[in-house]
Structures are given as C-alpha cells and as structure tokens.
Amino acid sequence: MGATPKQRISRKRRGDRRSQQHLKPLQLVECPQCGEPRMPHYVCPNCGTYRGRQVLAIKTEEAKPS
C-alpha cells in the first residue's frame, strides 16, 4: 500500500492552506534612548540599553589616524 491520496486537492484548497506560510514584516519600535529602530523586547543594538538600563557595552569606532 502506497501513500496515495484518495482525492485530488483543488488549487483553491491548496492555496488556502499555503496562504498562512507567508513571511510577515518585522515589527520595529523606536528606541527611547537613541531613537534608532529595534525589535520589541530586545536590547538596542545601537546603544546597548534595555528598559532604560545599560546592559551592553557598545564599542565606538574611533577615527583612524591617516
């Protein structure tokens, strides 16, 4: 016995099922410290703060001597 479907799935039924598989756009919020966009409930990658506290030490790029 093989895994053979009993009936053909119509294009509409197949499309209705696959319509839930799309990618959703990122939901970004503004960081209250620096104003850069970040994901909600995440540490800000720009300034390193979370809920008003500094939790990451961010390295600043210094001017390279030429």
C-alpha atoms as a PDB file:
ATOM      1  CA  MET A   1       0.000   0.000   0.000  1.00  0.00           C
ATOM      2  CA  GLY A   2       1.373   3.357  -1.041  1.00  0.00           C
ATOM      3  CA  ALA A   3       0.709   6.791   0.282  1.00  0.00           C
ATOM      4  CA  THR A   4      -1.740   7.718  -2.451  1.00  0.00           C
ATOM      5  CA  PRO A   5      -4.280  10.494  -1.875  1.00  0.00           C
ATOM      6  CA  LYS A   6      -7.916   9.442  -2.161  1.00  0.00           C
ATOM      7  CA  GLN A   7      -8.926  12.661  -3.892  1.00  0.00           C
ATOM      8  CA  ARG A   8      -7.184  15.456  -5.721  1.00  0.00           C
ATOM      9  CA  ILE A   9      -6.686  18.685  -3.775  1.00  0.00           C
ATOM     10  CA  SER A  10      -8.042  21.645  -5.737  1.00  0.00           C
ATOM     11  CA  ARG A  11      -5.859  24.668  -6.446  1.00  0.00           C
ATOM     12  CA  LYS A  12      -8.031  26.814  -4.173  1.00  0.00           C
ATOM     13  CA  ARG A  13      -7.834  24.444  -1.226  1.00  0.00           C
ATOM     14  CA  ARG A  14      -4.086  24.090  -1.679  1.00  0.00           C
ATOM     15  CA  GLY A  15      -3.699  27.893  -1.922  1.00  0.00           C
ATOM     16  CA  ASP A  16      -5.869  28.457   1.152  1.00  0.00           C
ATOM     17  CA  ARG A  17      -3.609  26.146   3.127  1.00  0.00           C
ATOM     18  CA  ARG A  18      -0.400  27.760   1.866  1.00  0.00           C
ATOM     19  CA  SER A  19      -1.624  31.313   2.438  1.00  0.00           C
ATOM     20  CA  GLN A  20      -0.576  31.042   6.104  1.00  0.00           C
ATOM     21  CA  GLN A  21       3.069  30.370   5.197  1.00  0.00           C
ATOM     22  CA  HIS A  22       3.999  33.877   4.075  1.00  0.00           C
ATOM     23  CA  LEU A  23       6.679  35.960   5.770  1.00  0.00           C
ATOM     24  CA  LYS A  24       5.483  38.754   7.995  1.00  0.00           C
ATOM     25  CA  PRO A  25       7.266  42.135   8.022  1.00  0.00           C
ATOM     26  CA  LEU A  26       9.461  42.945  11.008  1.00  0.00           C
ATOM     27  CA  GLN A  27       7.722  44.894  13.757  1.00  0.00           C
ATOM     28  CA  LEU A  28      10.160  47.621  14.755  1.00  0.00           C
ATOM     29  CA  VAL A  29       9.834  50.159  17.547  1.00  0.00           C
ATOM     30  CA  GLU A  30      11.873  53.268  18.265  1.00  0.00           C
ATOM     31  CA  CYS A  31      14.494  53.024  20.995  1.00  0.00           C
ATOM     32  CA  PRO A  32      13.633  55.585  23.710  1.00  0.00           C
ATOM     33  CA  GLN A  33      17.349  56.295  24.372  1.00  0.00           C
ATOM     34  CA  CYS A  34      18.817  56.789  20.899  1.00  0.00           C
ATOM     35  CA  GLY A  35      15.781  56.801  18.595  1.00  0.00           C
ATOM     36  CA  GLU A  36      17.058  54.007  16.338  1.00  0.00           C
ATOM     37  CA  PRO A  37      14.652  51.250  15.234  1.00  0.00           C
ATOM     38  CA  ARG A  38      14.911  47.991  17.164  1.00  0.00           C
ATOM     39  CA  MET A  39      12.825  44.875  17.685  1.00  0.00           C
ATOM     40  CA  PRO A  40      10.475  44.962  20.698  1.00  0.00           C
ATOM     41  CA  HIS A  41      11.718  43.175  23.859  1.00  0.00           C
ATOM     42  CA  TYR A  42      15.287  43.163  22.517  1.00  0.00           C
ATOM     43  CA  VAL A  43      18.405  45.038  23.592  1.00  0.00           C
ATOM     44  CA  CYS A  44      19.050  48.005  21.319  1.00  0.00           C
ATOM     45  CA  PRO A  45      21.994  47.074  19.063  1.00  0.00           C
ATOM     46  CA  ASN A  46      22.918  50.745  18.634  1.00  0.00           C
ATOM     47  CA  CYS A  47      23.172  51.973  22.230  1.00  0.00           C
ATOM     48  CA  GLY A  48      23.007  48.709  24.257  1.00  0.00           C
ATOM     49  CA  THR A  49      20.125  49.675  26.557  1.00  0.00           C
ATOM     50  CA  TYR A  50      17.109  47.640  27.590  1.00  0.00           C
ATOM     51  CA  ARG A  51      14.205  49.100  29.599  1.00  0.00           C
ATOM     52  CA  GLY A  52      16.221  52.199  30.474  1.00  0.00           C
ATOM     53  CA  ARG A  53      19.292  50.318  31.741  1.00  0.00           C
ATOM     54  CA  GLN A  54      22.675  49.943  30.075  1.00  0.00           C
ATOM     55  CA  VAL A  55      23.140  46.176  29.611  1.00  0.00           C
ATOM     56  CA  LEU A  56      25.736  46.021  26.812  1.00  0.00           C
ATOM     57  CA  ALA A  57      28.977  47.900  26.432  1.00  0.00           C
ATOM     58  CA  ILE A  58      28.979  49.184  22.854  1.00  0.00           C
ATOM     59  CA  LYS A  59      32.356  49.773  21.204  1.00  0.00           C
ATOM     60  CA  THR A  60      32.572  53.132  19.491  1.00  0.00           C
ATOM     61  CA  GLU A  61      34.564  53.459  16.299  1.00  0.00           C
ATOM     62  CA  GLU A  62      37.350  55.969  16.751  1.00  0.00           C
ATOM     63  CA  ALA A  63      38.814  57.918  13.875  1.00  0.00           C
ATOM     64  CA  LYS A  64      41.750  56.033  12.383  1.00  0.00           C
ATOM     65  CA  PRO A  65      44.923  58.089  12.017  1.00  0.00           C
ATOM     66  CA  SER A  66      45.811  58.505   8.354  1.00  0.00           C
END
